[in-house]
C-alpha atoms as a PDB file:
ATOM      1  CA  UNK A   1     169.106  40.290 188.526  1.00  0.00           C
ATOM      2  CA  UNK A   2     168.359  37.732 185.878  1.00  0.00           C
ATOM      3  CA  UNK A   3     171.310  36.448 183.636  1.00  0.00           C
ATOM      4  CA  UNK A   4     169.016  38.337 180.627  1.00  0.00           C
ATOM      5  CA  UNK A   5     168.775  42.029 181.975  1.00  0.00           C
ATOM      6  CA  UNK A   6     172.497  41.460 183.303  1.00  0.00           C
ATOM      7  CA  UNK A   7     173.435  40.544 179.535  1.00  0.00           C
ATOM      8  CA  UNK A   8     171.556  43.514 178.094  1.00  0.00           C
ATOM      9  CA  UNK A   9     173.465  45.761 180.564  1.00  0.00           C
ATOM     10  CA  UNK A  10     176.492  44.936 179.731  1.00  0.00           C
ATOM     11  CA  UNK A  11     176.084  44.932 175.630  1.00  0.00           C
ATOM     12  CA  UNK A  12     174.249  48.626 176.161  1.00  0.00           C
ATOM     13  CA  UNK A  13     177.894  49.996 178.280  1.00  0.00           C
ATOM     14  CA  UNK A  14     179.419  48.270 175.756  1.00  0.00           C
ATOM     15  CA  UNK A  15     177.702  49.993 172.883  1.00  0.00           C
ATOM     16  CA  UNK A  16     178.428  53.480 174.921  1.00  0.00           C
ATOM     17  CA  UNK A  17     181.999  52.944 175.269  1.00  0.00           C
ATOM     18  CA  UNK A  18     183.054  51.514 172.083  1.00  0.00           C
ATOM     19  CA  UNK A  19     184.167  53.691 169.519  1.00  0.00           C
ATOM     20  CA  UNK A  20     183.292  52.692 165.936  1.00  0.00           C
ATOM     21  CA  UNK A  21     185.016  53.952 163.356  1.00  0.00           C
ATOM     22  CA  UNK A  22     183.335  54.242 160.315  1.00  0.00           C
ATOM     23  CA  UNK A  23     184.305  54.077 156.274  1.00  0.00           C
ATOM     24  CA  UNK A  24     185.170  57.418 155.547  1.00  0.00           C
ATOM     25  CA  UNK A  25     187.055  57.991 158.627  1.00  0.00           C
ATOM     26  CA  UNK A  26     189.786  55.487 157.959  1.00  0.00           C
ATOM     27  CA  UNK A  27     190.296  56.393 154.576  1.00  0.00           C
ATOM     28  CA  UNK A  28     194.114  56.818 154.372  1.00  0.00           C
ATOM     29  CA  UNK A  29     194.771  54.118 157.133  1.00  0.00           C
ATOM     30  CA  UNK A  30     192.709  51.658 154.380  1.00  0.00           C
ATOM     31  CA  UNK A  31     194.263  53.184 151.472  1.00  0.00           C
ATOM     32  CA  UNK A  32     197.645  52.316 152.960  1.00  0.00           C
ATOM     33  CA  UNK A  33     196.868  48.889 153.661  1.00  0.00           C
ATOM     34  CA  UNK A  34     195.359  48.421 150.244  1.00  0.00           C
ATOM     35  CA  UNK A  35     198.337  49.778 148.524  1.00  0.00           C
ATOM     36  CA  UNK A  36     200.797  47.177 151.002  1.00  0.00           C
ATOM     37  CA  UNK A  37     198.767  44.161 149.471  1.00  0.00           C
ATOM     38  CA  UNK A  38     198.983  45.140 146.324  1.00  0.00           C
ATOM     39  CA  UNK A  39     203.044  45.695 146.137  1.00  0.00           C
ATOM     40  CA  UNK A  40     203.260  42.461 147.957  1.00  0.00           C
ATOM     41  CA  UNK A  41     200.852  40.539 145.132  1.00  0.00           C
ATOM     42  CA  UNK A  42     203.019  42.274 142.595  1.00  0.00           C
ATOM     43  CA  UNK A  43     206.247  41.581 144.173  1.00  0.00           C
ATOM     44  CA  UNK A  44     205.347  37.343 144.713  1.00  0.00           C
ATOM     45  CA  UNK A  45     204.297  37.715 140.873  1.00  0.00           C
ATOM     46  CA  UNK A  46     207.680  38.827 139.720  1.00  0.00           C
ATOM     47  CA  UNK A  47     209.370  36.188 142.054  1.00  0.00           C
ATOM     48  CA  UNK A  48     207.798  33.299 140.319  1.00  0.00           C
ATOM     49  CA  UNK A  49     208.201  34.447 136.836  1.00  0.00           C
ATOM     50  CA  UNK A  50     211.842  35.496 137.615  1.00  0.00           C
END
């Protein structure tokens, strides 16, 4: 087996097994992460101004 064909076969196998998370399926996790980020930045700003 040539290296190029082995590489292509491995890529195809990985694509079949990999589960892709689309943006609309990760809504709750994404929203929670954004909220944590905003809370962290607001706490840092409050600490700096105090």
